[in-house]
Amino acid sequence: MNVVTRVVVGAALLSLAVPIGAAWATPQLLVDTKKAGMPAKSCQYCHTEALPKKDTFKPETLNDRGKFLLTDMQTRKLKAPDLEKLKDFPGGKEQK
Protein backbone atom coordinates (compact mmCIF):
# COMPACT_ATOMS: atom_id res chain seq x y z
CA MET A 1 0.00 0.00 0.00
CA ASN A 2 1.43 3.39 -0.89
CA VAL A 3 1.57 6.31 1.55
CA VAL A 4 -1.39 8.18 0.05
CA THR A 5 -3.61 5.10 0.26
CA ARG A 6 -2.60 4.53 3.88
CA VAL A 7 -3.42 8.12 4.78
CA VAL A 8 -6.82 7.95 3.08
CA VAL A 9 -7.68 4.61 4.71
CA GLY A 10 -6.47 5.86 8.10
CA ALA A 11 -8.53 9.06 7.84
CA ALA A 12 -11.61 7.07 6.84
CA LEU A 13 -11.24 4.72 9.81
CA LEU A 14 -10.67 7.62 12.19
CA SER A 15 -13.77 9.41 10.92
CA LEU A 16 -15.80 6.30 11.72
CA ALA A 17 -14.34 6.01 15.20
CA VAL A 18 -15.14 9.58 16.27
CA PRO A 19 -18.96 9.28 16.21
CA ILE A 20 -18.79 5.85 17.82
CA GLY A 21 -16.45 7.09 20.54
CA ALA A 22 -18.93 9.83 21.39
CA ALA A 23 -21.48 7.19 22.27
CA TRP A 24 -19.54 5.90 25.25
CA ALA A 25 -21.68 5.82 28.32
CA THR A 26 -20.70 7.10 31.71
CA PRO A 27 -22.20 6.46 35.13
CA GLN A 28 -23.33 10.10 35.07
CA LEU A 29 -25.57 9.36 32.07
CA LEU A 30 -27.42 6.78 34.15
CA VAL A 31 -27.86 9.31 36.97
CA ASP A 32 -29.06 11.98 34.53
CA THR A 33 -31.47 9.52 32.89
CA LYS A 34 -33.03 8.79 36.28
CA LYS A 35 -33.26 12.53 37.04
CA ALA A 36 -35.08 13.00 33.72
CA GLY A 37 -37.79 10.68 35.06
CA MET A 38 -36.87 7.59 33.05
CA PRO A 39 -37.15 4.17 34.74
CA ALA A 40 -33.47 3.30 34.21
CA LYS A 41 -32.13 0.88 36.80
CA SER A 42 -28.77 -0.04 35.27
CA CYS A 43 -26.56 0.42 32.22
CA GLN A 44 -28.70 -2.19 30.50
CA TYR A 45 -31.32 0.50 30.02
CA CYS A 46 -29.38 1.30 26.81
CA HIS A 47 -26.72 -1.45 26.62
CA THR A 48 -26.90 -5.23 26.37
CA GLU A 49 -23.87 -5.55 28.66
CA ALA A 50 -24.22 -5.09 32.41
CA LEU A 51 -21.05 -2.98 32.66
CA PRO A 52 -19.97 -1.65 29.26
CA LYS A 53 -16.37 -0.52 28.98
CA LYS A 54 -15.20 2.46 26.96
CA ASP A 55 -12.22 0.65 25.48
CA THR A 56 -14.29 -2.26 24.15
CA PHE A 57 -17.47 -0.40 23.15
CA LYS A 58 -19.15 -1.56 19.95
CA PRO A 59 -22.47 -0.17 18.64
CA GLU A 60 -23.67 -3.78 18.38
CA THR A 61 -23.71 -3.93 22.20
CA LEU A 62 -26.48 -1.34 22.38
CA ASN A 63 -30.09 -2.41 22.75
CA ASP A 64 -32.85 -0.77 20.69
CA ARG A 65 -33.03 2.22 23.06
CA GLY A 66 -29.27 2.74 22.88
CA LYS A 67 -29.28 2.44 19.10
CA PHE A 68 -32.10 5.00 19.00
CA LEU A 69 -29.96 7.46 20.98
CA LEU A 70 -26.84 6.71 18.91
CA THR A 71 -28.73 7.34 15.67
CA ASP A 72 -30.06 10.62 17.08
CA MET A 73 -26.55 11.64 18.14
CA GLN A 74 -25.12 10.91 14.71
CA THR A 75 -28.01 12.59 12.88
CA ARG A 76 -27.76 15.75 14.97
CA LYS A 77 -23.94 15.56 15.26
CA LEU A 78 -24.05 15.65 19.06
CA LYS A 79 -21.10 14.77 21.29
CA ALA A 80 -23.30 13.18 23.96
CA PRO A 81 -26.76 11.62 23.91
CA ASP A 82 -29.73 13.95 24.36
CA LEU A 83 -31.52 12.18 27.21
CA GLU A 84 -34.69 14.19 26.59
CA LYS A 85 -34.90 12.27 23.31
CA LEU A 86 -35.69 9.13 25.35
CA LYS A 87 -39.22 10.53 25.69
CA ASP A 88 -39.54 10.06 21.91
CA PHE A 89 -38.44 6.42 21.98
CA PRO A 90 -41.21 4.37 20.30
CA GLY A 91 -43.31 2.07 22.40
CA GLY A 92 -45.58 2.31 25.41
CA LYS A 93 -44.73 3.70 28.83
CA GLU A 94 -42.96 0.43 29.75
CA GLN A 95 -40.56 1.01 26.83
CA LYS A 96 -39.56 4.52 27.85
PDB file of N, CA and C in Angstrom:
ATOM      1  N   MET A   1       0.842  -1.165   0.000  1.00  0.00           N
ATOM      2  CA  MET A   1       0.000   0.000   0.000  1.00  0.00           C
ATOM      3  C   MET A   1       0.895   1.237   0.000  1.00  0.00           C
ATOM      4  N   ASN A   2       0.602   2.187  -0.875  1.00  0.00           N
ATOM      5  CA  ASN A   2       1.434   3.390  -0.886  1.00  0.00           C
ATOM      6  C   ASN A   2       1.000   4.346   0.222  1.00  0.00           C
ATOM      7  N   VAL A   3       1.775   5.386   0.445  1.00  0.00           N
ATOM      8  CA  VAL A   3       1.569   6.308   1.554  1.00  0.00           C
ATOM      9  C   VAL A   3       0.222   7.029   1.435  1.00  0.00           C
ATOM     10  N   VAL A   4      -0.127   7.462   0.249  1.00  0.00           N
ATOM     11  CA  VAL A   4      -1.391   8.181   0.050  1.00  0.00           C
ATOM     12  C   VAL A   4      -2.572   7.283   0.392  1.00  0.00           C
ATOM     13  N   THR A   5      -2.539   6.043  -0.042  1.00  0.00           N
ATOM     14  CA  THR A   5      -3.612   5.099   0.256  1.00  0.00           C
ATOM     15  C   THR A   5      -3.716   4.875   1.758  1.00  0.00           C
ATOM     16  N   ARG A   6      -2.590   4.733   2.419  1.00  0.00           N
ATOM     17  CA  ARG A   6      -2.596   4.527   3.875  1.00  0.00           C
ATOM     18  C   ARG A   6      -3.211   5.721   4.602  1.00  0.00           C
ATOM     19  N   VAL A   7      -2.874   6.918   4.157  1.00  0.00           N
ATOM     20  CA  VAL A   7      -3.418   8.122   4.784  1.00  0.00           C
ATOM     21  C   VAL A   7      -4.932   8.187   4.577  1.00  0.00           C
ATOM     22  N   VAL A   8      -5.385   7.908   3.380  1.00  0.00           N
ATOM     23  CA  VAL A   8      -6.818   7.949   3.080  1.00  0.00           C
ATOM     24  C   VAL A   8      -7.564   6.898   3.894  1.00  0.00           C
ATOM     25  N   VAL A   9      -7.043   5.678   3.939  1.00  0.00           N
ATOM     26  CA  VAL A   9      -7.680   4.611   4.712  1.00  0.00           C
ATOM     27  C   VAL A   9      -7.675   4.956   6.203  1.00  0.00           C
ATOM     28  N   GLY A  10      -6.564   5.474   6.694  1.00  0.00           N
ATOM     29  CA  GLY A  10      -6.475   5.860   8.103  1.00  0.00           C
ATOM     30  C   GLY A  10      -7.459   6.964   8.461  1.00  0.00           C
ATOM     31  N   ALA A  11      -7.583   7.965   7.592  1.00  0.00           N
ATOM     32  CA  ALA A  11      -8.529   9.058   7.841  1.00  0.00           C
ATOM     33  C   ALA A  11      -9.965   8.549   7.817  1.00  0.00           C
ATOM     34  N   ALA A  12     -10.263   7.632   6.910  1.00  0.00           N
ATOM     35  CA  ALA A  12     -11.612   7.068   6.837  1.00  0.00           C
ATOM     36  C   ALA A  12     -11.940   6.286   8.109  1.00  0.00           C
ATOM     37  N   LEU A  13     -11.007   5.488   8.577  1.00  0.00           N
ATOM     38  CA  LEU A  13     -11.236   4.722   9.806  1.00  0.00           C
ATOM     39  C   LEU A  13     -11.384   5.639  11.014  1.00  0.00           C
ATOM     40  N   LEU A  14     -10.578   6.676  11.075  1.00  0.00           N
ATOM     41  CA  LEU A  14     -10.669   7.620  12.186  1.00  0.00           C
ATOM     42  C   LEU A  14     -12.003   8.348  12.170  1.00  0.00           C
ATOM     43  N   SER A  15     -12.486   8.706  11.002  1.00  0.00           N
ATOM     44  CA  SER A  15     -13.768   9.414  10.921  1.00  0.00           C
ATOM     45  C   SER A  15     -14.917   8.520  11.378  1.00  0.00           C
ATOM     46  N   LEU A  16     -14.773   7.218  11.222  1.00  0.00           N
ATOM     47  CA  LEU A  16     -15.798   6.296  11.716  1.00  0.00           C
ATOM     48  C   LEU A  16     -15.713   6.146  13.222  1.00  0.00           C
ATOM     49  N   ALA A  17     -14.530   6.217  13.769  1.00  0.00           N
ATOM     50  CA  ALA A  17     -14.340   6.013  15.204  1.00  0.00           C
ATOM     51  C   ALA A  17     -14.827   7.198  16.028  1.00  0.00           C
ATOM     52  N   VAL A  18     -14.758   8.396  15.494  1.00  0.00           N
ATOM     53  CA  VAL A  18     -15.140   9.580  16.265  1.00  0.00           C
ATOM     54  C   VAL A  18     -16.606   9.547  16.674  1.00  0.00           C
ATOM     55  N   PRO A  19     -17.576   9.314  15.752  1.00  0.00           N
ATOM     56  CA  PRO A  19     -18.959   9.275  16.207  1.00  0.00           C
ATOM     57  C   PRO A  19     -19.233   8.109  17.155  1.00  0.00           C
ATOM     58  N   ILE A  20     -18.577   7.006  16.948  1.00  0.00           N
ATOM     59  CA  ILE A  20     -18.792   5.850  17.825  1.00  0.00           C
ATOM     60  C   ILE A  20     -18.226   6.149  19.203  1.00  0.00           C
ATOM     61  N   GLY A  21     -17.058   6.757  19.262  1.00  0.00           N
ATOM     62  CA  GLY A  21     -16.452   7.091  20.541  1.00  0.00           C
ATOM     63  C   GLY A  21     -17.327   8.032  21.351  1.00  0.00           C
ATOM     64  N   ALA A  22     -18.060   8.891  20.695  1.00  0.00           N
ATOM     65  CA  ALA A  22     -18.930   9.834  21.390  1.00  0.00           C
ATOM     66  C   ALA A  22     -20.093   9.136  22.070  1.00  0.00           C
ATOM     67  N   ALA A  23     -20.342   7.905  21.709  1.00  0.00           N
ATOM     68  CA  ALA A  23     -21.484   7.195  22.271  1.00  0.00           C
ATOM     69  C   ALA A  23     -21.161   6.499  23.579  1.00  0.00           C
ATOM     70  N   TRP A  24     -19.918   6.580  24.019  1.00  0.00           N
ATOM     71  CA  TRP A  24     -19.537   5.905  25.253  1.00  0.00           C
ATOM     72  C   TRP A  24     -20.365   6.401  26.413  1.00  0.00           C
ATOM     73  N   ALA A  25     -20.870   5.479  27.162  1.00  0.00           N
ATOM     74  CA  ALA A  25     -21.683   5.824  28.325  1.00  0.00           C
ATOM     75  C   ALA A  25     -20.806   6.101  29.524  1.00  0.00           C
ATOM     76  N   THR A  26     -21.359   6.834  30.448  1.00  0.00           N
ATOM     77  CA  THR A  26     -20.695   7.097  31.710  1.00  0.00           C
ATOM     78  C   THR A  26     -21.710   6.862  32.818  1.00  0.00           C
ATOM     79  N   PRO A  27     -21.242   6.610  34.026  1.00  0.00           N
ATOM     80  CA  PRO A  27     -22.195   6.459  35.131  1.00  0.00           C
ATOM     81  C   PRO A  27     -23.085   7.701  35.290  1.00  0.00           C
ATOM     82  N   GLN A  28     -22.546   8.874  34.952  1.00  0.00           N
ATOM     83  CA  GLN A  28     -23.331  10.101  35.070  1.00  0.00           C
ATOM     84  C   GLN A  28     -24.543  10.082  34.132  1.00  0.00           C
ATOM     85  N   LEU A  29     -24.418   9.450  32.977  1.00  0.00           N
ATOM     86  CA  LEU A  29     -25.565   9.359  32.073  1.00  0.00           C
ATOM     87  C   LEU A  29     -26.706   8.583  32.717  1.00  0.00           C
ATOM     88  N   LEU A  30     -26.388   7.547  33.452  1.00  0.00           N
ATOM     89  CA  LEU A  30     -27.419   6.778  34.151  1.00  0.00           C
ATOM     90  C   LEU A  30     -28.101   7.653  35.201  1.00  0.00           C
ATOM     91  N   VAL A  31     -27.305   8.407  35.955  1.00  0.00           N
ATOM     92  CA  VAL A  31     -27.863   9.309  36.972  1.00  0.00           C
ATOM     93  C   VAL A  31     -28.764  10.355  36.309  1.00  0.00           C
ATOM     94  N   ASP A  32     -28.291  10.953  35.230  1.00  0.00           N
ATOM     95  CA  ASP A  32     -29.062  11.979  34.528  1.00  0.00           C
ATOM     96  C   ASP A  32     -30.338  11.413  33.919  1.00  0.00           C
ATOM     97  N   THR A  33     -30.279  10.170  33.452  1.00  0.00           N
ATOM     98  CA  THR A  33     -31.467   9.517  32.891  1.00  0.00           C
ATOM     99  C   THR A  33     -32.521   9.346  33.977  1.00  0.00           C
ATOM    100  N   LYS A  34     -32.095   8.937  35.147  1.00  0.00           N
ATOM    101  CA  LYS A  34     -33.033   8.789  36.277  1.00  0.00           C
ATOM    102  C   LYS A  34     -33.623  10.139  36.663  1.00  0.00           C
ATOM    103  N   LYS A  35     -32.786  11.190  36.701  1.00  0.00           N
ATOM    104  CA  LYS A  35     -33.256  12.534  37.039  1.00  0.00           C
ATOM    105  C   LYS A  35     -34.275  13.038  36.021  1.00  0.00           C
ATOM    106  N   ALA A  36     -34.148  12.587  34.773  1.00  0.00           N
ATOM    107  CA  ALA A  36     -35.081  12.998  33.722  1.00  0.00           C
ATOM    108  C   ALA A  36     -36.415  12.264  33.832  1.00  0.00           C
ATOM    109  N   GLY A  37     -36.524  11.377  34.834  1.00  0.00           N
ATOM    110  CA  GLY A  37     -37.785  10.676  35.057  1.00  0.00           C
ATOM    111  C   GLY A  37     -37.924   9.351  34.326  1.00  0.00           C
ATOM    112  N   MET A  38     -36.841   8.867  33.751  1.00  0.00           N
ATOM    113  CA  MET A  38     -36.874   7.589  33.051  1.00  0.00           C
ATOM    114  C   MET A  38     -36.663   6.452  34.059  1.00  0.00           C
ATOM    115  N   PRO A  39     -37.251   5.286  33.788  1.00  0.00           N
ATOM    116  CA  PRO A  39     -37.153   4.167  34.737  1.00  0.00           C
ATOM    117  C   PRO A  39     -35.857   3.354  34.620  1.00  0.00           C
ATOM    118  N   ALA A  40     -34.751   3.998  34.354  1.00  0.00           N
ATOM    119  CA  ALA A  40     -33.465   3.301  34.214  1.00  0.00           C
ATOM    120  C   ALA A  40     -33.018   2.763  35.563  1.00  0.00           C
ATOM    121  N   LYS A  41     -32.614   1.496  35.569  1.00  0.00           N
ATOM    122  CA  LYS A  41     -32.129   0.878  36.800  1.00  0.00           C
ATOM    123  C   LYS A  41     -30.664   0.479  36.700  1.00  0.00           C
ATOM    124  N   SER A  42     -30.167   0.363  35.468  1.00  0.00           N
ATOM    125  CA  SER A  42     -28.773  -0.038  35.268  1.00  0.00           C
ATOM    126  C   SER A  42     -28.337   0.403  33.871  1.00  0.00           C
ATOM    127  N   CYS A  43     -27.099   0.103  33.555  1.00  0.00           N
ATOM    128  CA  CYS A  43     -26.564   0.420  32.223  1.00  0.00           C
ATOM    129  C   CYS A  43     -27.341  -0.302  31.123  1.00  0.00           C
ATOM    130  N   GLN A  44     -27.972  -1.416  31.498  1.00  0.00           N
ATOM    131  CA  GLN A  44     -28.704  -2.191  30.503  1.00  0.00           C
ATOM    132  C   GLN A  44     -29.980  -1.494  30.043  1.00  0.00           C
ATOM    133  N   TYR A  45     -30.220  -0.308  30.537  1.00  0.00           N
ATOM    134  CA  TYR A  45     -31.323   0.497  30.020  1.00  0.00           C
ATOM    135  C   TYR A  45     -31.051   0.825  28.545  1.00  0.00           C
ATOM    136  N   CYS A  46     -29.766   0.998  28.189  1.00  0.00           N
ATOM    137  CA  CYS A  46     -29.380   1.300  26.810  1.00  0.00           C
ATOM    138  C   CYS A  46     -28.392   0.293  26.217  1.00  0.00           C
ATOM    139  N   HIS A  47     -27.745  -0.494  27.069  1.00  0.00           N
ATOM    140  CA  HIS A  47     -26.725  -1.446  26.625  1.00  0.00           C
ATOM    141  C   HIS A  47     -27.185  -2.879  26.873  1.00  0.00           C
ATOM    142  N   THR A  48     -26.607  -3.813  26.127  1.00  0.00           N
ATOM    143  CA  THR A  48     -26.903  -5.228  26.369  1.00  0.00           C
ATOM    144  C   THR A  48     -25.950  -5.802  27.417  1.00  0.00           C
ATOM    145  N   GLU A  49     -24.843  -5.117  27.658  1.00  0.00           N
ATOM    146  CA  GLU A  49     -23.867  -5.554  28.660  1.00  0.00           C
ATOM    147  C   GLU A  49     -24.187  -4.895  29.997  1.00  0.00           C
ATOM    148  N   ALA A  50     -23.950  -5.630  31.079  1.00  0.00           N
ATOM    149  CA  ALA A  50     -24.223  -5.088  32.405  1.00  0.00           C
ATOM    150  C   ALA A  50     -23.287  -3.922  32.739  1.00  0.00           C
ATOM    151  N   LEU A  51     -22.024  -4.045  32.406  1.00  0.00           N
ATOM    152  CA  LEU A  51     -21.049  -2.984  32.659  1.00  0.00           C
ATOM    153  C   LEU A  51     -20.217  -2.728  31.404  1.00  0.00           C
ATOM    154  N   PRO A  52     -20.726  -1.924  30.481  1.00  0.00           N
ATOM    155  CA  PRO A  52     -19.968  -1.649  29.259  1.00  0.00           C
ATOM    156  C   PRO A  52     -18.676  -0.905  29.579  1.00  0.00           C
ATOM    157  N   LYS A  53     -17.665  -1.162  28.795  1.00  0.00           N
ATOM    158  CA  LYS A  53     -16.370  -0.517  28.984  1.00  0.00           C
ATOM    159  C   LYS A  53     -16.068   0.357  27.776  1.00  0.00           C
ATOM    160  N   LYS A  54     -15.508   1.526  28.035  1.00  0.00           N
ATOM    161  CA  LYS A  54     -15.198   2.461  26.956  1.00  0.00           C
ATOM    162  C   LYS A  54     -14.248   1.867  25.926  1.00  0.00           C
ATOM    163  N   ASP A  55     -13.247   1.146  26.403  1.00  0.00           N
ATOM    164  CA  ASP A  55     -12.222   0.652  25.478  1.00  0.00           C
ATOM    165  C   ASP A  55     -12.680  -0.522  24.622  1.00  0.00           C
ATOM    166  N   THR A  56     -13.799  -1.143  24.958  1.00  0.00           N
ATOM    167  CA  THR A  56     -14.289  -2.263  24.150  1.00  0.00           C
ATOM    168  C   THR A  56     -15.679  -1.990  23.569  1.00  0.00           C
ATOM    169  N   PHE A  57     -16.132  -0.731  23.635  1.00  0.00           N
ATOM    170  CA  PHE A  57     -17.468  -0.397  23.149  1.00  0.00           C
ATOM    171  C   PHE A  57     -17.625  -0.709  21.666  1.00  0.00           C
ATOM    172  N   LYS A  58     -18.753  -1.315  21.340  1.00  0.00           N
ATOM    173  CA  LYS A  58     -19.151  -1.561  19.951  1.00  0.00           C
ATOM    174  C   LYS A  58     -20.629  -1.206  19.852  1.00  0.00           C
ATOM    175  N   PRO A  59     -21.051  -0.529  18.787  1.00  0.00           N
ATOM    176  CA  PRO A  59     -22.466  -0.174  18.644  1.00  0.00           C
ATOM    177  C   PRO A  59     -23.383  -1.398  18.708  1.00  0.00           C
ATOM    178  N   GLU A  60     -22.859  -2.563  18.351  1.00  0.00           N
ATOM    179  CA  GLU A  60     -23.673  -3.783  18.379  1.00  0.00           C
ATOM    180  C   GLU A  60     -24.077  -4.157  19.803  1.00  0.00           C
ATOM    181  N   THR A  61     -23.385  -3.601  20.811  1.00  0.00           N
ATOM    182  CA  THR A  61     -23.706  -3.928  22.196  1.00  0.00           C
ATOM    183  C   THR A  61     -24.781  -3.019  22.781  1.00  0.00           C
ATOM    184  N   LEU A  62     -25.365  -2.176  21.940  1.00  0.00           N
ATOM    185  CA  LEU A  62     -26.479  -1.335  22.376  1.00  0.00           C
ATOM    186  C   LEU A  62     -27.788  -2.069  22.133  1.00  0.00           C
ATOM    187  N   ASN A  63     -28.755  -1.870  23.013  1.00  0.00           N
ATOM    188  CA  ASN A  63     -30.089  -2.413  22.753  1.00  0.00           C
ATOM    189  C   ASN A  63     -30.838  -1.410  21.869  1.00  0.00           C
ATOM    190  N   ASP A  64     -32.110  -1.643  21.595  1.00  0.00           N
ATOM    191  CA  ASP A  64     -32.850  -0.767  20.686  1.00  0.00           C
ATOM    192  C   ASP A  64     -32.878   0.676  21.181  1.00  0.00           C
ATOM    193  N   ARG A  65     -33.010   0.866  22.485  1.00  0.00           N
ATOM    194  CA  ARG A  65     -33.031   2.216  23.056  1.00  0.00           C
ATOM    195  C   ARG A  65     -31.695   2.900  22.837  1.00  0.00           C
ATOM    196  N   GLY A  66     -30.601   2.185  23.094  1.00  0.00           N
ATOM    197  CA  GLY A  66     -29.269   2.741  22.883  1.00  0.00           C
ATOM    198  C   GLY A  66     -29.002   3.059  21.426  1.00  0.00           C
ATOM    199  N   LYS A  67     -29.449   2.188  20.532  1.00  0.00           N
ATOM    200  CA  LYS A  67     -29.279   2.439  19.099  1.00  0.00           C
ATOM    201  C   LYS A  67     -30.092   3.650  18.668  1.00  0.00           C
ATOM    202  N   PHE A  68     -31.262   3.836  19.268  1.00  0.00           N
ATOM    203  CA  PHE A  68     -32.102   4.997  18.998  1.00  0.00           C
ATOM    204  C   PHE A  68     -31.342   6.282  19.368  1.00  0.00           C
ATOM    205  N   LEU A  69     -30.726   6.293  20.549  1.00  0.00           N
ATOM    206  CA  LEU A  69     -29.965   7.465  20.976  1.00  0.00           C
ATOM    207  C   LEU A  69     -28.720   7.680  20.117  1.00  0.00           C
ATOM    208  N   LEU A  70     -28.031   6.597  19.753  1.00  0.00           N
ATOM    209  CA  LEU A  70     -26.844   6.712  18.908  1.00  0.00           C
ATOM    210  C   LEU A  70     -27.203   7.292  17.549  1.00  0.00           C
ATOM    211  N   THR A  71     -28.290   6.819  16.959  1.00  0.00           N
ATOM    212  CA  THR A  71     -28.733   7.343  15.667  1.00  0.00           C
ATOM    213  C   THR A  71     -29.058   8.825  15.776  1.00  0.00           C
ATOM    214  N   ASP A  72     -29.741   9.207  16.854  1.00  0.00           N
ATOM    215  CA  ASP A  72     -30.059  10.619  17.076  1.00  0.00           C
ATOM    216  C   ASP A  72     -28.784  11.449  17.215  1.00  0.00           C
ATOM    217  N   MET A  73     -27.819  10.932  17.967  1.00  0.00           N
ATOM    218  CA  MET A  73     -26.548  11.641  18.136  1.00  0.00           C
ATOM    219  C   MET A  73     -25.851  11.858  16.800  1.00  0.00           C
ATOM    220  N   GLN A  74     -25.809  10.815  15.996  1.00  0.00           N
ATOM    221  CA  GLN A  74     -25.125  10.909  14.707  1.00  0.00           C
ATOM    222  C   GLN A  74     -25.878  11.826  13.756  1.00  0.00           C
ATOM    223  N   THR A  75     -27.195  11.754  13.764  1.00  0.00           N
ATOM    224  CA  THR A  75     -28.006  12.593  12.876  1.00  0.00           C
ATOM    225  C   THR A  75     -27.836  14.067  13.225  1.00  0.00           C
ATOM    226  N   ARG A  76     -27.841  14.360  14.513  1.00  0.00           N
ATOM    227  CA  ARG A  76     -27.756  15.750  14.967  1.00  0.00           C
ATOM    228  C   ARG A  76     -26.326  16.188  15.266  1.00  0.00           C
ATOM    229  N   LYS A  77     -25.368  15.284  15.042  1.00  0.00           N
ATOM    230  CA  LYS A  77     -23.936  15.561  15.256  1.00  0.00           C
ATOM    231  C   LYS A  77     -23.668  16.049  16.678  1.00  0.00           C
ATOM    232  N   LEU A  78     -24.245  15.331  17.649  1.00  0.00           N
ATOM    233  CA  LEU A  78     -24.052  15.647  19.060  1.00  0.00           C
ATOM    234  C   LEU A  78     -22.837  14.911  19.600  1.00  0.00           C
ATOM    235  N   LYS A  79     -22.248  15.436  20.659  1.00  0.00           N
ATOM    236  CA  LYS A  79     -21.104  14.773  21.292  1.00  0.00           C
ATOM    237  C   LYS A  79     -21.540  13.849  22.410  1.00  0.00           C
ATOM    238  N   ALA A  80     -22.755  14.023  22.890  1.00  0.00           N
ATOM    239  CA  ALA A  80     -23.295  13.180  23.964  1.00  0.00           C
ATOM    240  C   ALA A  80     -24.779  12.965  23.672  1.00  0.00           C
ATOM    241  N   PRO A  81     -25.341  11.875  24.177  1.00  0.00           N
ATOM    242  CA  PRO A  81     -26.762  11.621  23.909  1.00  0.00           C
ATOM    243  C   PRO A  81     -27.658  12.686  24.545  1.00  0.00           C
ATOM    244  N   ASP A  82     -28.717  13.036  23.847  1.00  0.00           N
ATOM    245  CA  ASP A  82     -29.734  13.947  24.359  1.00  0.00           C
ATOM    246  C   ASP A  82     -30.745  13.085  25.103  1.00  0.00           C
ATOM    247  N   LEU A  83     -30.669  13.067  26.418  1.00  0.00           N
ATOM    248  CA  LEU A  83     -31.516  12.180  27.211  1.00  0.00           C
ATOM    249  C   LEU A  83     -32.990  12.548  27.128  1.00  0.00           C
ATOM    250  N   GLU A  84     -33.290  13.784  26.792  1.00  0.00           N
ATOM    251  CA  GLU A  84     -34.685  14.188  26.587  1.00  0.00           C
ATOM    252  C   GLU A  84     -35.287  13.432  25.404  1.00  0.00           C
ATOM    253  N   LYS A  85     -34.442  13.008  24.494  1.00  0.00           N
ATOM    254  CA  LYS A  85     -34.897  12.267  23.307  1.00  0.00           C
ATOM    255  C   LYS A  85     -35.484  10.911  23.704  1.00  0.00           C
ATOM    256  N   LEU A  86     -35.128  10.405  24.896  1.00  0.00           N
ATOM    257  CA  LEU A  86     -35.687   9.131  25.355  1.00  0.00           C
ATOM    258  C   LEU A  86     -37.208   9.182  25.423  1.00  0.00           C
ATOM    259  N   LYS A  87     -37.764  10.382  25.638  1.00  0.00           N
ATOM    260  CA  LYS A  87     -39.218  10.529  25.686  1.00  0.00           C
ATOM    261  C   LYS A  87     -39.853  10.238  24.327  1.00  0.00           C
ATOM    262  N   ASP A  88     -39.052  10.327  23.262  1.00  0.00           N
ATOM    263  CA  ASP A  88     -39.537  10.061  21.909  1.00  0.00           C
ATOM    264  C   ASP A  88     -39.312   8.621  21.466  1.00  0.00           C
ATOM    265  N   PHE A  89     -38.688   7.807  22.341  1.00  0.00           N
ATOM    266  CA  PHE A  89     -38.439   6.419  21.978  1.00  0.00           C
ATOM    267  C   PHE A  89     -39.769   5.715  21.752  1.00  0.00           C
ATOM    268  N   PRO A  90     -39.924   5.011  20.607  1.00  0.00           N
ATOM    269  CA  PRO A  90     -41.205   4.372  20.300  1.00  0.00           C
ATOM    270  C   PRO A  90     -41.567   3.292  21.312  1.00  0.00           C
ATOM    271  N   GLY A  91     -42.837   3.106  21.498  1.00  0.00           N
ATOM    272  CA  GLY A  91     -43.314   2.074  22.405  1.00  0.00           C
ATOM    273  C   GLY A  91     -44.139   2.681  23.512  1.00  0.00           C
ATOM    274  N   GLY A  92     -44.754   1.856  24.304  1.00  0.00           N
ATOM    275  CA  GLY A  92     -45.578   2.306  25.411  1.00  0.00           C
ATOM    276  C   GLY A  92     -44.742   2.784  26.577  1.00  0.00           C
ATOM    277  N   LYS A  93     -45.416   3.163  27.653  1.00  0.00           N
ATOM    278  CA  LYS A  93     -44.727   3.695  28.834  1.00  0.00           C
ATOM    279  C   LYS A  93     -43.672   2.714  29.363  1.00  0.00           C
ATOM    280  N   GLU A  94     -43.926   1.420  29.270  1.00  0.00           N
ATOM    281  CA  GLU A  94     -42.960   0.427  29.747  1.00  0.00           C
ATOM    282  C   GLU A  94     -41.692   0.409  28.908  1.00  0.00           C
ATOM    283  N   GLN A  95     -41.728   0.975  27.703  1.00  0.00           N
ATOM    284  CA  GLN A  95     -40.563   1.008  26.833  1.00  0.00           C
ATOM    285  C   GLN A  95     -39.739   2.284  27.005  1.00  0.00           C
ATOM    286  N   LYS A  96     -40.266   3.252  27.682  1.00  0.00           N
ATOM    287  CA  LYS A  96     -39.555   4.522  27.847  1.00  0.00           C
ATOM    288  C   LYS A  96     -38.399   4.308  28.761  1.00  0.00           C
TER     289      LYS A  96
END
